[in-house]
PDB file of N, CA and C in Angstrom:
ATOM      1  N   MET A   1     -69.766 -27.657  -5.137  1.00  0.00           N
ATOM      2  CA  MET A   1     -68.894 -26.522  -4.886  1.00  0.00           C
ATOM      3  C   MET A   1     -69.308 -25.390  -5.822  1.00  0.00           C
ATOM      4  N   THR A   2     -69.508 -24.218  -5.255  1.00  0.00           N
ATOM      5  CA  THR A   2     -69.909 -23.080  -6.064  1.00  0.00           C
ATOM      6  C   THR A   2     -68.709 -22.549  -6.841  1.00  0.00           C
ATOM      7  N   GLU A   3     -69.017 -21.676  -7.769  1.00  0.00           N
ATOM      8  CA  GLU A   3     -67.958 -21.074  -8.584  1.00  0.00           C
ATOM      9  C   GLU A   3     -66.995 -20.270  -7.709  1.00  0.00           C
ATOM     10  N   LEU A   4     -67.528 -19.565  -6.729  1.00  0.00           N
ATOM     11  CA  LEU A   4     -66.705 -18.778  -5.817  1.00  0.00           C
ATOM     12  C   LEU A   4     -65.777 -19.683  -5.000  1.00  0.00           C
ATOM     13  N   GLU A   5     -66.335 -20.785  -4.491  1.00  0.00           N
ATOM     14  CA  GLU A   5     -65.521 -21.720  -3.708  1.00  0.00           C
ATOM     15  C   GLU A   5     -64.416 -22.340  -4.563  1.00  0.00           C
ATOM     16  N   ALA A   6     -64.718 -22.648  -5.796  1.00  0.00           N
ATOM     17  CA  ALA A   6     -63.718 -23.215  -6.710  1.00  0.00           C
ATOM     18  C   ALA A   6     -62.598 -22.213  -6.963  1.00  0.00           C
ATOM     19  N   LEU A   7     -62.978 -20.962  -7.159  1.00  0.00           N
ATOM     20  CA  LEU A   7     -61.996 -19.909  -7.381  1.00  0.00           C
ATOM     21  C   LEU A   7     -61.127 -19.715  -6.137  1.00  0.00           C
ATOM     22  N   GLN A   8     -61.761 -19.725  -4.963  1.00  0.00           N
ATOM     23  CA  GLN A   8     -61.012 -19.586  -3.714  1.00  0.00           C
ATOM     24  C   GLN A   8     -60.031 -20.752  -3.543  1.00  0.00           C
ATOM     25  N   GLN A   9     -60.490 -21.959  -3.860  1.00  0.00           N
ATOM     26  CA  GLN A   9     -59.630 -23.135  -3.750  1.00  0.00           C
ATOM     27  C   GLN A   9     -58.431 -23.015  -4.694  1.00  0.00           C
ATOM     28  N   LYS A  10     -58.685 -22.544  -5.904  1.00  0.00           N
ATOM     29  CA  LYS A  10     -57.618 -22.361  -6.884  1.00  0.00           C
ATOM     30  C   LYS A  10     -56.582 -21.371  -6.360  1.00  0.00           C
ATOM     31  N   HIS A  11     -57.048 -20.277  -5.768  1.00  0.00           N
ATOM     32  CA  HIS A  11     -56.139 -19.256  -5.230  1.00  0.00           C
ATOM     33  C   HIS A  11     -55.350 -19.797  -4.034  1.00  0.00           C
ATOM     34  N   ARG A  12     -55.998 -20.594  -3.187  1.00  0.00           N
ATOM     35  CA  ARG A  12     -55.292 -21.198  -2.049  1.00  0.00           C
ATOM     36  C   ARG A  12     -54.185 -22.130  -2.534  1.00  0.00           C
ATOM     37  N   GLU A  13     -54.489 -22.919  -3.556  1.00  0.00           N
ATOM     38  CA  GLU A  13     -53.492 -23.841  -4.101  1.00  0.00           C
ATOM     39  C   GLU A  13     -52.315 -23.083  -4.720  1.00  0.00           C
ATOM     40  N   GLU A  14     -52.623 -22.014  -5.446  1.00  0.00           N
ATOM     41  CA  GLU A  14     -51.569 -21.195  -6.053  1.00  0.00           C
ATOM     42  C   GLU A  14     -50.709 -20.549  -4.966  1.00  0.00           C
ATOM     43  N   ALA A  15     -51.335 -20.057  -3.919  1.00  0.00           N
ATOM     44  CA  ALA A  15     -50.589 -19.450  -2.815  1.00  0.00           C
ATOM     45  C   ALA A  15     -49.705 -20.491  -2.134  1.00  0.00           C
ATOM     46  N   ALA A  16     -50.203 -21.702  -1.975  1.00  0.00           N
ATOM     47  CA  ALA A  16     -49.408 -22.773  -1.364  1.00  0.00           C
ATOM     48  C   ALA A  16     -48.209 -23.114  -2.240  1.00  0.00           C
ATOM     49  N   ARG A  17     -48.387 -23.157  -3.556  1.00  0.00           N
ATOM     50  CA  ARG A  17     -47.271 -23.418  -4.475  1.00  0.00           C
ATOM     51  C   ARG A  17     -46.219 -22.315  -4.378  1.00  0.00           C
ATOM     52  N   LYS A  18     -46.671 -21.070  -4.318  1.00  0.00           N
ATOM     53  CA  LYS A  18     -45.736 -19.944  -4.207  1.00  0.00           C
ATOM     54  C   LYS A  18     -44.964 -20.002  -2.901  1.00  0.00           C
ATOM     55  N   ARG A  19     -45.640 -20.351  -1.797  1.00  0.00           N
ATOM     56  CA  ARG A  19     -44.955 -20.467  -0.504  1.00  0.00           C
ATOM     57  C   ARG A  19     -43.913 -21.580  -0.541  1.00  0.00           C
ATOM     58  N   ALA A  20     -44.259 -22.704  -1.159  1.00  0.00           N
ATOM     59  CA  ALA A  20     -43.323 -23.825  -1.251  1.00  0.00           C
ATOM     60  C   ALA A  20     -42.110 -23.441  -2.090  1.00  0.00           C
ATOM     61  N   LYS A  21     -42.343 -22.733  -3.187  1.00  0.00           N
ATOM     62  CA  LYS A  21     -41.235 -22.308  -4.051  1.00  0.00           C
ATOM     63  C   LYS A  21     -40.324 -21.331  -3.312  1.00  0.00           C
ATOM     64  N   LEU A  22     -40.902 -20.404  -2.576  1.00  0.00           N
ATOM     65  CA  LEU A  22     -40.128 -19.446  -1.793  1.00  0.00           C
ATOM     66  C   LEU A  22     -39.311 -20.165  -0.725  1.00  0.00           C
ATOM     67  N   LYS A  23     -39.921 -21.151  -0.067  1.00  0.00           N
ATOM     68  CA  LYS A  23     -39.223 -21.915   0.964  1.00  0.00           C
ATOM     69  C   LYS A  23     -38.025 -22.651   0.356  1.00  0.00           C
ATOM     70  N   GLU A  24     -38.202 -23.263  -0.812  1.00  0.00           N
ATOM     71  CA  GLU A  24     -37.106 -23.957  -1.496  1.00  0.00           C
ATOM     72  C   GLU A  24     -35.992 -22.979  -1.869  1.00  0.00           C
ATOM     73  N   ARG A  25     -36.366 -21.808  -2.380  1.00  0.00           N
ATOM     74  CA  ARG A  25     -35.378 -20.810  -2.785  1.00  0.00           C
ATOM     75  C   ARG A  25     -34.572 -20.317  -1.579  1.00  0.00           C
ATOM     76  N   LYS A  26     -35.249 -20.093  -0.455  1.00  0.00           N
ATOM     77  CA  LYS A  26     -34.555 -19.649   0.755  1.00  0.00           C
ATOM     78  C   LYS A  26     -33.625 -20.734   1.290  1.00  0.00           C
ATOM     79  N   ALA A  27     -34.059 -21.992   1.218  1.00  0.00           N
ATOM     80  CA  ALA A  27     -33.213 -23.096   1.676  1.00  0.00           C
ATOM     81  C   ALA A  27     -31.963 -23.201   0.804  1.00  0.00           C
ATOM     82  N   ARG A  28     -32.126 -23.034  -0.503  1.00  0.00           N
ATOM     83  CA  ARG A  28     -30.974 -23.088  -1.413  1.00  0.00           C
ATOM     84  C   ARG A  28     -30.012 -21.935  -1.135  1.00  0.00           C
ATOM     85  N   ALA A  29     -30.554 -20.736  -0.956  1.00  0.00           N
ATOM     86  CA  ALA A  29     -29.714 -19.567  -0.675  1.00  0.00           C
ATOM     87  C   ALA A  29     -28.941 -19.785   0.631  1.00  0.00           C
ATOM     88  N   HIS A  30     -29.607 -20.322   1.643  1.00  0.00           N
ATOM     89  CA  HIS A  30     -28.952 -20.582   2.920  1.00  0.00           C
ATOM     90  C   HIS A  30     -27.822 -21.598   2.752  1.00  0.00           C
ATOM     91  N   ARG A  31     -28.101 -22.668   1.997  1.00  0.00           N
ATOM     92  CA  ARG A  31     -27.090 -23.700   1.758  1.00  0.00           C
ATOM     93  C   ARG A  31     -25.879 -23.121   1.026  1.00  0.00           C
ATOM     94  N   LEU A  32     -26.125 -22.298   0.009  1.00  0.00           N
ATOM     95  CA  LEU A  32     -25.025 -21.698  -0.741  1.00  0.00           C
ATOM     96  C   LEU A  32     -24.187 -20.763   0.123  1.00  0.00           C
ATOM     97  N   ILE A  33     -24.841 -20.002   0.967  1.00  0.00           N
ATOM     98  CA  ILE A  33     -24.123 -19.097   1.867  1.00  0.00           C
ATOM     99  C   ILE A  33     -23.274 -19.892   2.852  1.00  0.00           C
ATOM    100  N   GLU A  34     -23.855 -20.947   3.420  1.00  0.00           N
ATOM    101  CA  GLU A  34     -23.097 -21.784   4.359  1.00  0.00           C
ATOM    102  C   GLU A  34     -21.872 -22.393   3.691  1.00  0.00           C
ATOM    103  N   ARG A  35     -22.054 -22.935   2.507  1.00  0.00           N
ATOM    104  CA  ARG A  35     -20.948 -23.585   1.812  1.00  0.00           C
ATOM    105  C   ARG A  35     -19.884 -22.576   1.396  1.00  0.00           C
ATOM    106  N   GLY A  36     -20.306 -21.387   1.022  1.00  0.00           N
ATOM    107  CA  GLY A  36     -19.349 -20.338   0.704  1.00  0.00           C
ATOM    108  C   GLY A  36     -18.527 -19.954   1.933  1.00  0.00           C
ATOM    109  N   ALA A  37     -19.181 -19.908   3.078  1.00  0.00           N
ATOM    110  CA  ALA A  37     -18.477 -19.584   4.327  1.00  0.00           C
ATOM    111  C   ALA A  37     -17.478 -20.683   4.674  1.00  0.00           C
ATOM    112  N   ILE A  38     -17.854 -21.932   4.459  1.00  0.00           N
ATOM    113  CA  ILE A  38     -16.936 -23.046   4.715  1.00  0.00           C
ATOM    114  C   ILE A  38     -15.717 -22.933   3.814  1.00  0.00           C
ATOM    115  N   LEU A  39     -15.952 -22.660   2.534  1.00  0.00           N
ATOM    116  CA  LEU A  39     -14.840 -22.507   1.581  1.00  0.00           C
ATOM    117  C   LEU A  39     -13.927 -21.360   1.991  1.00  0.00           C
ATOM    118  N   GLU A  40     -14.525 -20.239   2.348  1.00  0.00           N
ATOM    119  CA  GLU A  40     -13.729 -19.078   2.727  1.00  0.00           C
ATOM    120  C   GLU A  40     -12.913 -19.355   3.991  1.00  0.00           C
ATOM    121  N   ALA A  41     -13.491 -20.055   4.950  1.00  0.00           N
ATOM    122  CA  ALA A  41     -12.762 -20.396   6.173  1.00  0.00           C
ATOM    123  C   ALA A  41     -11.568 -21.298   5.848  1.00  0.00           C
ATOM    124  N   ALA A  42     -11.768 -22.250   4.937  1.00  0.00           N
ATOM    125  CA  ALA A  42     -10.671 -23.146   4.563  1.00  0.00           C
ATOM    126  C   ALA A  42      -9.565 -22.380   3.849  1.00  0.00           C
ATOM    127  N   ILE A  43      -9.926 -21.488   2.959  1.00  0.00           N
ATOM    128  CA  ILE A  43      -8.928 -20.703   2.228  1.00  0.00           C
ATOM    129  C   ILE A  43      -8.180 -19.776   3.184  1.00  0.00           C
ATOM    130  N   ASN A  44      -8.883 -19.238   4.177  1.00  0.00           N
ATOM    131  CA  ASN A  44      -8.246 -18.344   5.154  1.00  0.00           C
ATOM    132  C   ASN A  44      -7.175 -19.059   5.971  1.00  0.00           C
ATOM    133  N   GLU A  45      -7.203 -20.390   6.002  1.00  0.00           N
ATOM    134  CA  GLU A  45      -6.156 -21.144   6.684  1.00  0.00           C
ATOM    135  C   GLU A  45      -4.819 -20.960   5.974  1.00  0.00           C
ATOM    136  N   ILE A  46      -4.862 -20.627   4.675  1.00  0.00           N
ATOM    137  CA  ILE A  46      -3.652 -20.485   3.863  1.00  0.00           C
ATOM    138  C   ILE A  46      -3.290 -19.015   3.685  1.00  0.00           C
ATOM    139  N   CYS A  47      -4.239 -18.228   3.243  1.00  0.00           N
ATOM    140  CA  CYS A  47      -4.036 -16.780   3.080  1.00  0.00           C
ATOM    141  C   CYS A  47      -5.407 -16.115   3.041  1.00  0.00           C
ATOM    142  N   PRO A  48      -5.472 -14.795   3.169  1.00  0.00           N
ATOM    143  CA  PRO A  48      -6.776 -14.109   3.218  1.00  0.00           C
ATOM    144  C   PRO A  48      -7.618 -14.366   1.963  1.00  0.00           C
ATOM    145  N   ALA A  49      -8.822 -14.847   2.169  1.00  0.00           N
ATOM    146  CA  ALA A  49      -9.719 -15.163   1.055  1.00  0.00           C
ATOM    147  C   ALA A  49     -10.097 -13.913   0.263  1.00  0.00           C
ATOM    148  N   GLU A  50     -10.074 -12.760   0.902  1.00  0.00           N
ATOM    149  CA  GLU A  50     -10.442 -11.513   0.225  1.00  0.00           C
ATOM    150  C   GLU A  50      -9.484 -11.172  -0.904  1.00  0.00           C
ATOM    151  N   SER A  51      -8.286 -11.764  -0.877  1.00  0.00           N
ATOM    152  CA  SER A  51      -7.300 -11.446  -1.909  1.00  0.00           C
ATOM    153  C   SER A  51      -7.573 -12.173  -3.225  1.00  0.00           C
ATOM    154  N   PHE A  52      -8.567 -13.047  -3.257  1.00  0.00           N
ATOM    155  CA  PHE A  52      -8.893 -13.798  -4.460  1.00  0.00           C
ATOM    156  C   PHE A  52     -10.126 -13.234  -5.151  1.00  0.00           C
ATOM    157  N   THR A  53     -10.113 -13.274  -6.469  1.00  0.00           N
ATOM    158  CA  THR A  53     -11.310 -12.910  -7.240  1.00  0.00           C
ATOM    159  C   THR A  53     -12.207 -14.144  -7.330  1.00  0.00           C
ATOM    160  N   ASN A  54     -13.425 -13.949  -7.790  1.00  0.00           N
ATOM    161  CA  ASN A  54     -14.320 -15.083  -7.996  1.00  0.00           C
ATOM    162  C   ASN A  54     -13.735 -16.059  -9.006  1.00  0.00           C
ATOM    163  N   ALA A  55     -13.060 -15.540 -10.025  1.00  0.00           N
ATOM    164  CA  ALA A  55     -12.425 -16.412 -11.025  1.00  0.00           C
ATOM    165  C   ALA A  55     -11.326 -17.249 -10.376  1.00  0.00           C
ATOM    166  N   ASP A  56     -10.563 -16.645  -9.468  1.00  0.00           N
ATOM    167  CA  ASP A  56      -9.527 -17.385  -8.743  1.00  0.00           C
ATOM    168  C   ASP A  56     -10.153 -18.509  -7.916  1.00  0.00           C
ATOM    169  N   ILE A  57     -11.211 -18.189  -7.212  1.00  0.00           N
ATOM    170  CA  ILE A  57     -11.896 -19.185  -6.377  1.00  0.00           C
ATOM    171  C   ILE A  57     -12.414 -20.328  -7.244  1.00  0.00           C
ATOM    172  N   GLN A  58     -12.977 -19.980  -8.394  1.00  0.00           N
ATOM    173  CA  GLN A  58     -13.481 -21.014  -9.306  1.00  0.00           C
ATOM    174  C   GLN A  58     -12.341 -21.940  -9.746  1.00  0.00           C
ATOM    175  N   LYS A  59     -11.200 -21.379 -10.082  1.00  0.00           N
ATOM    176  CA  LYS A  59     -10.047 -22.193 -10.489  1.00  0.00           C
ATOM    177  C   LYS A  59      -9.595 -23.107  -9.354  1.00  0.00           C
ATOM    178  N   ILE A  60      -9.551 -22.559  -8.147  1.00  0.00           N
ATOM    179  CA  ILE A  60      -9.141 -23.357  -6.980  1.00  0.00           C
ATOM    180  C   ILE A  60     -10.098 -24.530  -6.782  1.00  0.00           C
ATOM    181  N   ILE A  61     -11.373 -24.249  -6.847  1.00  0.00           N
ATOM    182  CA  ILE A  61     -12.372 -25.299  -6.625  1.00  0.00           C
ATOM    183  C   ILE A  61     -12.255 -26.386  -7.690  1.00  0.00           C
ATOM    184  N   TYR A  62     -12.208 -25.989  -8.953  1.00  0.00           N
ATOM    185  CA  TYR A  62     -12.115 -26.985 -10.014  1.00  0.00           C
ATOM    186  C   TYR A  62     -10.819 -27.777  -9.925  1.00  0.00           C
ATOM    187  N   PHE A  63      -9.721 -27.117  -9.601  1.00  0.00           N
ATOM    188  CA  PHE A  63      -8.443 -27.814  -9.454  1.00  0.00           C
ATOM    189  C   PHE A  63      -8.545 -28.864  -8.345  1.00  0.00           C
ATOM    190  N   ALA A  64      -9.123 -28.462  -7.223  1.00  0.00           N
ATOM    191  CA  ALA A  64      -9.229 -29.369  -6.072  1.00  0.00           C
ATOM    192  C   ALA A  64     -10.193 -30.525  -6.345  1.00  0.00           C
ATOM    193  N   ILE A  65     -11.325 -30.223  -6.935  1.00  0.00           N
ATOM    194  CA  ILE A  65     -12.349 -31.245  -7.126  1.00  0.00           C
ATOM    195  C   ILE A  65     -12.003 -32.218  -8.247  1.00  0.00           C
ATOM    196  N   LEU A  66     -11.347 -31.740  -9.279  1.00  0.00           N
ATOM    197  CA  LEU A  66     -11.072 -32.605 -10.419  1.00  0.00           C
ATOM    198  C   LEU A  66      -9.821 -33.464 -10.256  1.00  0.00           C
ATOM    199  N   SER A  67      -9.127 -33.331  -9.139  1.00  0.00           N
ATOM    200  CA  SER A  67      -7.984 -34.225  -8.926  1.00  0.00           C
ATOM    201  C   SER A  67      -8.530 -35.638  -8.711  1.00  0.00           C
ATOM    202  N   PRO A  68      -7.826 -36.659  -9.218  1.00  0.00           N
ATOM    203  CA  PRO A  68      -8.335 -38.037  -9.105  1.00  0.00           C
ATOM    204  C   PRO A  68      -8.633 -38.471  -7.663  1.00  0.00           C
ATOM    205  N   ALA A  69      -7.793 -38.101  -6.738  1.00  0.00           N
ATOM    206  CA  ALA A  69      -8.025 -38.498  -5.347  1.00  0.00           C
ATOM    207  C   ALA A  69      -9.307 -37.885  -4.803  1.00  0.00           C
ATOM    208  N   THR A  70      -9.530 -36.621  -5.114  1.00  0.00           N
ATOM    209  CA  THR A  70     -10.748 -35.946  -4.639  1.00  0.00           C
ATOM    210  C   THR A  70     -11.982 -36.529  -5.309  1.00  0.00           C
ATOM    211  N   ALA A  71     -11.906 -36.796  -6.604  1.00  0.00           N
ATOM    212  CA  ALA A  71     -13.040 -37.381  -7.322  1.00  0.00           C
ATOM    213  C   ALA A  71     -13.409 -38.740  -6.719  1.00  0.00           C
ATOM    214  N   ASP A  72     -12.416 -39.544  -6.394  1.00  0.00           N
ATOM    215  CA  ASP A  72     -12.681 -40.841  -5.760  1.00  0.00           C
ATOM    216  C   ASP A  72     -13.333 -40.651  -4.395  1.00  0.00           C
ATOM    217  N   TYR A  73     -12.830 -39.686  -3.624  1.00  0.00           N
ATOM    218  CA  TYR A  73     -13.383 -39.412  -2.295  1.00  0.00           C
ATOM    219  C   TYR A  73     -14.843 -38.961  -2.391  1.00  0.00           C
ATOM    220  N   ILE A  74     -15.128 -38.075  -3.327  1.00  0.00           N
ATOM    221  CA  ILE A  74     -16.490 -37.579  -3.521  1.00  0.00           C
ATOM    222  C   ILE A  74     -17.403 -38.727  -3.931  1.00  0.00           C
ATOM    223  N   SER A  75     -16.923 -39.578  -4.831  1.00  0.00           N
ATOM    224  CA  SER A  75     -17.720 -40.736  -5.262  1.00  0.00           C
ATOM    225  C   SER A  75     -18.053 -41.640  -4.086  1.00  0.00           C
ATOM    226  N   GLU A  76     -17.096 -41.839  -3.201  1.00  0.00           N
ATOM    227  CA  GLU A  76     -17.333 -42.679  -2.015  1.00  0.00           C
ATOM    228  C   GLU A  76     -18.384 -42.057  -1.099  1.00  0.00           C
ATOM    229  N   LEU A  77     -18.309 -40.741  -0.917  1.00  0.00           N
ATOM    230  CA  LEU A  77     -19.273 -40.048  -0.062  1.00  0.00           C
ATOM    231  C   LEU A  77     -20.667 -40.077  -0.662  1.00  0.00           C
ATOM    232  N   GLY A  78     -20.757 -40.005  -1.991  1.00  0.00           N
ATOM    233  CA  GLY A  78     -22.041 -39.896  -2.659  1.00  0.00           C
ATOM    234  C   GLY A  78     -22.742 -41.206  -2.932  1.00  0.00           C
ATOM    235  N   ARG A  79     -22.152 -42.288  -2.513  1.00  0.00           N
ATOM    236  CA  ARG A  79     -22.730 -43.613  -2.778  1.00  0.00           C
ATOM    237  C   ARG A  79     -24.140 -43.530  -3.041  1.00  0.00           C
TER     238      ARG A  79
END
């Protein structure tokens, strides 16, 4: 393999790593958006989600998740 071919191979590998990282980042962003929409839809069943601050939402989530019944349920799902 010539020096040029080695350099080209190195650049192809770096480009592939960057594409994979971008794909992972986009998948994570999509997952977070979906889950946020699910949370907002559930909260809208009670009252408008827009009336809550991010701090309020954080408190609601922690309150709900840290209850013993919810923790047991999550543990069962996560087997």
